[in-house]
Amino acid sequence: MIIISLIINSLLFFFLLNFSYMKRKKENPNYPNKPVSQLLLFPLALGIVFTLVMDVFKGFMIYQLVLFAVAALLLYWIFYVLSKK
């Protein structure tokens, strides 16, 4: 799933950052070429960073849900199971 997310994010950044360049290049073939670092590497780097950040946030969310479930079970056990005894 992370590979699909990386591909989608990289393509999204590529099209967002290079849309106007591709439009100008299509209208005027003599328009100067964009450096490879700006054309390909920068959108790829942004896609990698964005994918990693989003996966870290997903991991934190799952960790928080697990902690909440453990705390809820502990409170249930304290208030309902122990109070019957």
PDB file of N, CA and C in Angstrom:
ATOM      1  N   MET A   1       0.823  -1.197   0.000  1.00  0.00           N
ATOM      2  CA  MET A   1       0.000   0.000   0.000  1.00  0.00           C
ATOM      3  C   MET A   1       0.866   1.260   0.000  1.00  0.00           C
ATOM      4  N   ILE A   2       2.001   1.187   0.665  1.00  0.00           N
ATOM      5  CA  ILE A   2       2.879   2.359   0.730  1.00  0.00           C
ATOM      6  C   ILE A   2       3.449   2.684  -0.649  1.00  0.00           C
ATOM      7  N   ILE A   3       3.682   1.678  -1.474  1.00  0.00           N
ATOM      8  CA  ILE A   3       4.227   1.919  -2.813  1.00  0.00           C
ATOM      9  C   ILE A   3       3.199   2.628  -3.686  1.00  0.00           C
ATOM     10  N   ILE A   4       1.942   2.211  -3.577  1.00  0.00           N
ATOM     11  CA  ILE A   4       0.875   2.864  -4.342  1.00  0.00           C
ATOM     12  C   ILE A   4       0.719   4.310  -3.890  1.00  0.00           C
ATOM     13  N   SER A   5       0.763   4.536  -2.594  1.00  0.00           N
ATOM     14  CA  SER A   5       0.672   5.885  -2.049  1.00  0.00           C
ATOM     15  C   SER A   5       1.842   6.742  -2.522  1.00  0.00           C
ATOM     16  N   LEU A   6       3.035   6.177  -2.541  1.00  0.00           N
ATOM     17  CA  LEU A   6       4.223   6.898  -3.013  1.00  0.00           C
ATOM     18  C   LEU A   6       4.081   7.279  -4.482  1.00  0.00           C
ATOM     19  N   ILE A   7       3.608   6.365  -5.295  1.00  0.00           N
ATOM     20  CA  ILE A   7       3.441   6.635  -6.728  1.00  0.00           C
ATOM     21  C   ILE A   7       2.398   7.733  -6.946  1.00  0.00           C
ATOM     22  N   ILE A   8       1.272   7.630  -6.268  1.00  0.00           N
ATOM     23  CA  ILE A   8       0.214   8.632  -6.426  1.00  0.00           C
ATOM     24  C   ILE A   8       0.694  10.003  -5.963  1.00  0.00           C
ATOM     25  N   ASN A   9       1.344  10.062  -4.808  1.00  0.00           N
ATOM     26  CA  ASN A   9       1.825  11.343  -4.289  1.00  0.00           C
ATOM     27  C   ASN A   9       2.889  11.957  -5.203  1.00  0.00           C
ATOM     28  N   SER A  10       3.797  11.135  -5.694  1.00  0.00           N
ATOM     29  CA  SER A  10       4.847  11.650  -6.584  1.00  0.00           C
ATOM     30  C   SER A  10       4.259  12.172  -7.893  1.00  0.00           C
ATOM     31  N   LEU A  11       3.316  11.441  -8.463  1.00  0.00           N
ATOM     32  CA  LEU A  11       2.679  11.904  -9.701  1.00  0.00           C
ATOM     33  C   LEU A  11       1.881  13.184  -9.469  1.00  0.00           C
ATOM     34  N   LEU A  12       1.216  13.262  -8.341  1.00  0.00           N
ATOM     35  CA  LEU A  12       0.455  14.465  -8.020  1.00  0.00           C
ATOM     36  C   LEU A  12       1.373  15.681  -7.912  1.00  0.00           C
ATOM     37  N   PHE A  13       2.478  15.543  -7.187  1.00  0.00           N
ATOM     38  CA  PHE A  13       3.426  16.647  -7.076  1.00  0.00           C
ATOM     39  C   PHE A  13       4.067  16.971  -8.425  1.00  0.00           C
ATOM     40  N   PHE A  14       4.355  15.945  -9.233  1.00  0.00           N
ATOM     41  CA  PHE A  14       4.938  16.183 -10.553  1.00  0.00           C
ATOM     42  C   PHE A  14       4.011  17.044 -11.399  1.00  0.00           C
ATOM     43  N   PHE A  15       2.727  16.685 -11.457  1.00  0.00           N
ATOM     44  CA  PHE A  15       1.791  17.443 -12.283  1.00  0.00           C
ATOM     45  C   PHE A  15       1.507  18.826 -11.703  1.00  0.00           C
ATOM     46  N   LEU A  16       1.454  18.942 -10.392  1.00  0.00           N
ATOM     47  CA  LEU A  16       1.212  20.254  -9.795  1.00  0.00           C
ATOM     48  C   LEU A  16       2.367  21.221 -10.029  1.00  0.00           C
ATOM     49  N   LEU A  17       3.580  20.728  -9.920  1.00  0.00           N
ATOM     50  CA  LEU A  17       4.747  21.598 -10.046  1.00  0.00           C
ATOM     51  C   LEU A  17       5.188  21.832 -11.488  1.00  0.00           C
ATOM     52  N   ASN A  18       4.765  20.978 -12.412  1.00  0.00           N
ATOM     53  CA  ASN A  18       5.233  21.097 -13.793  1.00  0.00           C
ATOM     54  C   ASN A  18       4.119  21.389 -14.800  1.00  0.00           C
ATOM     55  N   PHE A  19       2.910  21.630 -14.330  1.00  0.00           N
ATOM     56  CA  PHE A  19       1.793  21.852 -15.245  1.00  0.00           C
ATOM     57  C   PHE A  19       2.025  23.077 -16.125  1.00  0.00           C
ATOM     58  N   SER A  20       2.378  24.198 -15.513  1.00  0.00           N
ATOM     59  CA  SER A  20       2.578  25.416 -16.304  1.00  0.00           C
ATOM     60  C   SER A  20       3.781  25.278 -17.246  1.00  0.00           C
ATOM     61  N   TYR A  21       4.830  24.590 -16.801  1.00  0.00           N
ATOM     62  CA  TYR A  21       5.997  24.377 -17.658  1.00  0.00           C
ATOM     63  C   TYR A  21       5.617  23.543 -18.887  1.00  0.00           C
ATOM     64  N   MET A  22       4.888  22.465 -18.671  1.00  0.00           N
ATOM     65  CA  MET A  22       4.492  21.609 -19.794  1.00  0.00           C
ATOM     66  C   MET A  22       3.570  22.368 -20.751  1.00  0.00           C
ATOM     67  N   LYS A  23       2.708  23.228 -20.211  1.00  0.00           N
ATOM     68  CA  LYS A  23       1.815  24.018 -21.045  1.00  0.00           C
ATOM     69  C   LYS A  23       2.618  24.998 -21.908  1.00  0.00           C
ATOM     70  N   ARG A  24       3.568  25.693 -21.291  1.00  0.00           N
ATOM     71  CA  ARG A  24       4.412  26.636 -22.044  1.00  0.00           C
ATOM     72  C   ARG A  24       5.274  25.916 -23.086  1.00  0.00           C
ATOM     73  N   LYS A  25       5.811  24.764 -22.712  1.00  0.00           N
ATOM     74  CA  LYS A  25       6.671  24.002 -23.627  1.00  0.00           C
ATOM     75  C   LYS A  25       5.864  23.502 -24.828  1.00  0.00           C
ATOM     76  N   LYS A  26       4.602  23.166 -24.608  1.00  0.00           N
ATOM     77  CA  LYS A  26       3.756  22.704 -25.703  1.00  0.00           C
ATOM     78  C   LYS A  26       3.422  23.857 -26.658  1.00  0.00           C
ATOM     79  N   GLU A  27       3.172  25.040 -26.084  1.00  0.00           N
ATOM     80  CA  GLU A  27       2.856  26.204 -26.915  1.00  0.00           C
ATOM     81  C   GLU A  27       4.084  26.714 -27.662  1.00  0.00           C
ATOM     82  N   ASN A  28       5.238  26.668 -27.014  1.00  0.00           N
ATOM     83  CA  ASN A  28       6.465  27.194 -27.622  1.00  0.00           C
ATOM     84  C   ASN A  28       7.578  26.153 -27.450  1.00  0.00           C
ATOM     85  N   PRO A  29       7.850  25.359 -28.480  1.00  0.00           N
ATOM     86  CA  PRO A  29       8.901  24.330 -28.360  1.00  0.00           C
ATOM     87  C   PRO A  29      10.292  24.897 -28.082  1.00  0.00           C
ATOM     88  N   ASN A  30      10.514  26.176 -28.339  1.00  0.00           N
ATOM     89  CA  ASN A  30      11.812  26.796 -28.077  1.00  0.00           C
ATOM     90  C   ASN A  30      11.955  27.268 -26.637  1.00  0.00           C
ATOM     91  N   TYR A  31      10.941  27.043 -25.824  1.00  0.00           N
ATOM     92  CA  TYR A  31      11.008  27.438 -24.412  1.00  0.00           C
ATOM     93  C   TYR A  31      12.153  26.667 -23.747  1.00  0.00           C
ATOM     94  N   PRO A  32      12.963  27.318 -22.896  1.00  0.00           N
ATOM     95  CA  PRO A  32      14.134  26.624 -22.321  1.00  0.00           C
ATOM     96  C   PRO A  32      13.737  25.407 -21.476  1.00  0.00           C
ATOM     97  N   ASN A  33      14.595  24.412 -21.536  1.00  0.00           N
ATOM     98  CA  ASN A  33      14.352  23.186 -20.773  1.00  0.00           C
ATOM     99  C   ASN A  33      14.542  23.440 -19.284  1.00  0.00           C
ATOM    100  N   LYS A  34      13.746  22.739 -18.509  1.00  0.00           N
ATOM    101  CA  LYS A  34      13.836  22.820 -17.054  1.00  0.00           C
ATOM    102  C   LYS A  34      14.886  21.814 -16.594  1.00  0.00           C
ATOM    103  N   PRO A  35      15.714  22.151 -15.591  1.00  0.00           N
ATOM    104  CA  PRO A  35      16.706  21.178 -15.100  1.00  0.00           C
ATOM    105  C   PRO A  35      16.024  19.922 -14.550  1.00  0.00           C
ATOM    106  N   VAL A  36      16.714  18.791 -14.687  1.00  0.00           N
ATOM    107  CA  VAL A  36      16.159  17.508 -14.242  1.00  0.00           C
ATOM    108  C   VAL A  36      15.861  17.532 -12.745  1.00  0.00           C
ATOM    109  N   SER A  37      16.699  18.231 -11.982  1.00  0.00           N
ATOM    110  CA  SER A  37      16.478  18.281 -10.538  1.00  0.00           C
ATOM    111  C   SER A  37      15.149  18.962 -10.208  1.00  0.00           C
ATOM    112  N   GLN A  38      14.777  19.982 -10.962  1.00  0.00           N
ATOM    113  CA  GLN A  38      13.500  20.650 -10.733  1.00  0.00           C
ATOM    114  C   GLN A  38      12.350  19.907 -11.393  1.00  0.00           C
ATOM    115  N   LEU A  39      12.621  19.265 -12.494  1.00  0.00           N
ATOM    116  CA  LEU A  39      11.565  18.589 -13.244  1.00  0.00           C
ATOM    117  C   LEU A  39      11.150  17.277 -12.592  1.00  0.00           C
ATOM    118  N   LEU A  40      12.106  16.470 -12.171  1.00  0.00           N
ATOM    119  CA  LEU A  40      11.802  15.137 -11.664  1.00  0.00           C
ATOM    120  C   LEU A  40      12.157  14.917 -10.191  1.00  0.00           C
ATOM    121  N   LEU A  41      13.350  15.336  -9.800  1.00  0.00           N
ATOM    122  CA  LEU A  41      13.835  14.992  -8.462  1.00  0.00           C
ATOM    123  C   LEU A  41      13.089  15.718  -7.348  1.00  0.00           C
ATOM    124  N   PHE A  42      12.768  16.996  -7.535  1.00  0.00           N
ATOM    125  CA  PHE A  42      12.062  17.736  -6.488  1.00  0.00           C
ATOM    126  C   PHE A  42      10.654  17.172  -6.244  1.00  0.00           C
ATOM    127  N   PRO A  43       9.842  16.920  -7.294  1.00  0.00           N
ATOM    128  CA  PRO A  43       8.536  16.301  -7.033  1.00  0.00           C
ATOM    129  C   PRO A  43       8.643  14.904  -6.424  1.00  0.00           C
ATOM    130  N   LEU A  44       9.659  14.135  -6.836  1.00  0.00           N
ATOM    131  CA  LEU A  44       9.852  12.804  -6.256  1.00  0.00           C
ATOM    132  C   LEU A  44      10.205  12.895  -4.776  1.00  0.00           C
ATOM    133  N   ALA A  45      11.088  13.834  -4.431  1.00  0.00           N
ATOM    134  CA  ALA A  45      11.458  14.025  -3.029  1.00  0.00           C
ATOM    135  C   ALA A  45      10.260  14.472  -2.197  1.00  0.00           C
ATOM    136  N   LEU A  46       9.455  15.377  -2.732  1.00  0.00           N
ATOM    137  CA  LEU A  46       8.249  15.802  -2.014  1.00  0.00           C
ATOM    138  C   LEU A  46       7.270  14.643  -1.833  1.00  0.00           C
ATOM    139  N   GLY A  47       7.134  13.807  -2.849  1.00  0.00           N
ATOM    140  CA  GLY A  47       6.258  12.640  -2.745  1.00  0.00           C
ATOM    141  C   GLY A  47       6.733  11.668  -1.679  1.00  0.00           C
ATOM    142  N   ILE A  48       8.035  11.446  -1.602  1.00  0.00           N
ATOM    143  CA  ILE A  48       8.594  10.539  -0.585  1.00  0.00           C
ATOM    144  C   ILE A  48       8.367  11.094   0.813  1.00  0.00           C
ATOM    145  N   VAL A  49       8.666  12.374   1.005  1.00  0.00           N
ATOM    146  CA  VAL A  49       8.499  12.991   2.324  1.00  0.00           C
ATOM    147  C   VAL A  49       7.036  12.986   2.735  1.00  0.00           C
ATOM    148  N   PHE A  50       6.143  13.354   1.830  1.00  0.00           N
ATOM    149  CA  PHE A  50       4.718  13.382   2.150  1.00  0.00           C
ATOM    150  C   PHE A  50       4.200  11.995   2.499  1.00  0.00           C
ATOM    151  N   THR A  51       4.631  10.983   1.747  1.00  0.00           N
ATOM    152  CA  THR A  51       4.208   9.610   2.028  1.00  0.00           C
ATOM    153  C   THR A  51       4.703   9.160   3.395  1.00  0.00           C
ATOM    154  N   LEU A  52       5.951   9.448   3.724  1.00  0.00           N
ATOM    155  CA  LEU A  52       6.487   9.058   5.034  1.00  0.00           C
ATOM    156  C   LEU A  52       5.759   9.770   6.171  1.00  0.00           C
ATOM    157  N   VAL A  53       5.502  11.058   6.007  1.00  0.00           N
ATOM    158  CA  VAL A  53       4.804  11.812   7.054  1.00  0.00           C
ATOM    159  C   VAL A  53       3.396  11.253   7.265  1.00  0.00           C
ATOM    160  N   MET A  54       2.688  10.981   6.179  1.00  0.00           N
ATOM    161  CA  MET A  54       1.326  10.459   6.309  1.00  0.00           C
ATOM    162  C   MET A  54       1.326   9.071   6.939  1.00  0.00           C
ATOM    163  N   ASP A  55       2.292   8.226   6.621  1.00  0.00           N
ATOM    164  CA  ASP A  55       2.356   6.902   7.228  1.00  0.00           C
ATOM    165  C   ASP A  55       2.701   6.982   8.708  1.00  0.00           C
ATOM    166  N   VAL A  56       3.523   7.940   9.091  1.00  0.00           N
ATOM    167  CA  VAL A  56       3.834   8.132  10.511  1.00  0.00           C
ATOM    168  C   VAL A  56       2.576   8.563  11.262  1.00  0.00           C
ATOM    169  N   PHE A  57       1.800   9.478  10.656  1.00  0.00           N
ATOM    170  CA  PHE A  57       0.554   9.906  11.300  1.00  0.00           C
ATOM    171  C   PHE A  57      -0.426   8.752  11.427  1.00  0.00           C
ATOM    172  N   LYS A  58      -0.496   7.888  10.409  1.00  0.00           N
ATOM    173  CA  LYS A  58      -1.361   6.709  10.491  1.00  0.00           C
ATOM    174  C   LYS A  58      -0.906   5.798  11.627  1.00  0.00           C
ATOM    175  N   GLY A  59       0.408   5.645  11.769  1.00  0.00           N
ATOM    176  CA  GLY A  59       0.940   4.821  12.859  1.00  0.00           C
ATOM    177  C   GLY A  59       0.607   5.403  14.220  1.00  0.00           C
ATOM    178  N   PHE A  60       0.735   6.725  14.371  1.00  0.00           N
ATOM    179  CA  PHE A  60       0.373   7.376  15.636  1.00  0.00           C
ATOM    180  C   PHE A  60      -1.102   7.188  15.941  1.00  0.00           C
ATOM    181  N   MET A  61      -1.952   7.289  14.910  1.00  0.00           N
ATOM    182  CA  MET A  61      -3.380   7.136  15.129  1.00  0.00           C
ATOM    183  C   MET A  61      -3.709   5.722  15.606  1.00  0.00           C
ATOM    184  N   ILE A  62      -3.109   4.722  14.995  1.00  0.00           N
ATOM    185  CA  ILE A  62      -3.351   3.339  15.412  1.00  0.00           C
ATOM    186  C   ILE A  62      -2.839   3.123  16.830  1.00  0.00           C
ATOM    187  N   TYR A  63      -1.666   3.682  17.141  1.00  0.00           N
ATOM    188  CA  TYR A  63      -1.109   3.583  18.492  1.00  0.00           C
ATOM    189  C   TYR A  63      -2.047   4.221  19.512  1.00  0.00           C
ATOM    190  N   GLN A  64      -2.612   5.388  19.199  1.00  0.00           N
ATOM    191  CA  GLN A  64      -3.534   6.054  20.105  1.00  0.00           C
ATOM    192  C   GLN A  64      -4.820   5.269  20.273  1.00  0.00           C
ATOM    193  N   LEU A  65      -5.308   4.651  19.204  1.00  0.00           N
ATOM    194  CA  LEU A  65      -6.513   3.823  19.310  1.00  0.00           C
ATOM    195  C   LEU A  65      -6.272   2.599  20.194  1.00  0.00           C
ATOM    196  N   VAL A  66      -5.107   2.001  20.078  1.00  0.00           N
ATOM    197  CA  VAL A  66      -4.771   0.853  20.923  1.00  0.00           C
ATOM    198  C   VAL A  66      -4.687   1.284  22.390  1.00  0.00           C
ATOM    199  N   LEU A  67      -4.029   2.417  22.658  1.00  0.00           N
ATOM    200  CA  LEU A  67      -3.952   2.928  24.029  1.00  0.00           C
ATOM    201  C   LEU A  67      -5.336   3.244  24.580  1.00  0.00           C
ATOM    202  N   PHE A  68      -6.209   3.832  23.762  1.00  0.00           N
ATOM    203  CA  PHE A  68      -7.565   4.129  24.199  1.00  0.00           C
ATOM    204  C   PHE A  68      -8.325   2.851  24.524  1.00  0.00           C
ATOM    205  N   ALA A  69      -8.184   1.827  23.690  1.00  0.00           N
ATOM    206  CA  ALA A  69      -8.874   0.553  23.937  1.00  0.00           C
ATOM    207  C   ALA A  69      -8.374  -0.083  25.229  1.00  0.00           C
ATOM    208  N   VAL A  70      -7.080  -0.050  25.474  1.00  0.00           N
ATOM    209  CA  VAL A  70      -6.528  -0.614  26.709  1.00  0.00           C
ATOM    210  C   VAL A  70      -7.043   0.161  27.917  1.00  0.00           C
ATOM    211  N   ALA A  71      -7.045   1.490  27.830  1.00  0.00           N
ATOM    212  CA  ALA A  71      -7.545   2.304  28.939  1.00  0.00           C
ATOM    213  C   ALA A  71      -9.027   2.070  29.162  1.00  0.00           C
ATOM    214  N   ALA A  72      -9.808   1.937  28.096  1.00  0.00           N
ATOM    215  CA  ALA A  72     -11.242   1.688  28.235  1.00  0.00           C
ATOM    216  C   ALA A  72     -11.498   0.336  28.877  1.00  0.00           C
ATOM    217  N   LEU A  73     -10.763  -0.678  28.462  1.00  0.00           N
ATOM    218  CA  LEU A  73     -10.932  -2.003  29.080  1.00  0.00           C
ATOM    219  C   LEU A  73     -10.530  -1.987  30.548  1.00  0.00           C
ATOM    220  N   LEU A  74      -9.466  -1.297  30.880  1.00  0.00           N
ATOM    221  CA  LEU A  74      -9.026  -1.195  32.270  1.00  0.00           C
ATOM    222  C   LEU A  74     -10.062  -0.461  33.119  1.00  0.00           C
ATOM    223  N   LEU A  75     -10.593   0.639  32.622  1.00  0.00           N
ATOM    224  CA  LEU A  75     -11.629   1.362  33.358  1.00  0.00           C
ATOM    225  C   LEU A  75     -12.895   0.542  33.492  1.00  0.00           C
ATOM    226  N   TYR A  76     -13.286  -0.181  32.450  1.00  0.00           N
ATOM    227  CA  TYR A  76     -14.454  -1.064  32.532  1.00  0.00           C
ATOM    228  C   TYR A  76     -14.238  -2.121  33.601  1.00  0.00           C
ATOM    229  N   TRP A  77     -13.066  -2.696  33.597  1.00  0.00           N
ATOM    230  CA  TRP A  77     -12.765  -3.736  34.577  1.00  0.00           C
ATOM    231  C   TRP A  77     -12.802  -3.156  35.988  1.00  0.00           C
ATOM    232  N   ILE A  78     -12.248  -1.968  36.189  1.00  0.00           N
ATOM    233  CA  ILE A  78     -12.217  -1.345  37.523  1.00  0.00           C
ATOM    234  C   ILE A  78     -13.618  -0.983  37.990  1.00  0.00           C
ATOM    235  N   PHE A  79     -14.427  -0.344  37.151  1.00  0.00           N
ATOM    236  CA  PHE A  79     -15.704   0.174  37.582  1.00  0.00           C
ATOM    237  C   PHE A  79     -16.833  -0.846  37.558  1.00  0.00           C
ATOM    238  N   TYR A  80     -16.803  -1.815  36.675  1.00  0.00           N
ATOM    239  CA  TYR A  80     -17.919  -2.752  36.565  1.00  0.00           C
ATOM    240  C   TYR A  80     -17.607  -4.131  37.121  1.00  0.00           C
ATOM    241  N   VAL A  81     -16.444  -4.651  36.859  1.00  0.00           N
ATOM    242  CA  VAL A  81     -16.127  -6.006  37.316  1.00  0.00           C
ATOM    243  C   VAL A  81     -15.769  -5.989  38.794  1.00  0.00           C
ATOM    244  N   LEU A  82     -14.929  -5.082  39.205  1.00  0.00           N
ATOM    245  CA  LEU A  82     -14.527  -5.033  40.605  1.00  0.00           C
ATOM    246  C   LEU A  82     -15.640  -4.497  41.519  1.00  0.00           C
ATOM    247  N   SER A  83     -16.535  -3.684  41.021  1.00  0.00           N
ATOM    248  CA  SER A  83     -17.605  -3.138  41.865  1.00  0.00           C
ATOM    249  C   SER A  83     -18.660  -4.182  42.175  1.00  0.00           C
ATOM    250  N   LYS A  84     -18.766  -5.263  41.400  1.00  0.00           N
ATOM    251  CA  LYS A  84     -19.731  -6.335  41.668  1.00  0.00           C
ATOM    252  C   LYS A  84     -19.266  -7.233  42.799  1.00  0.00           C
ATOM    253  N   LYS A  85     -17.969  -7.222  43.085  1.00  0.00           N
ATOM    254  CA  LYS A  85     -17.445  -8.109  44.124  1.00  0.00           C
ATOM    255  C   LYS A  85     -17.608  -7.531  45.494  1.00  0.00           C
TER     256      LYS A  85
END
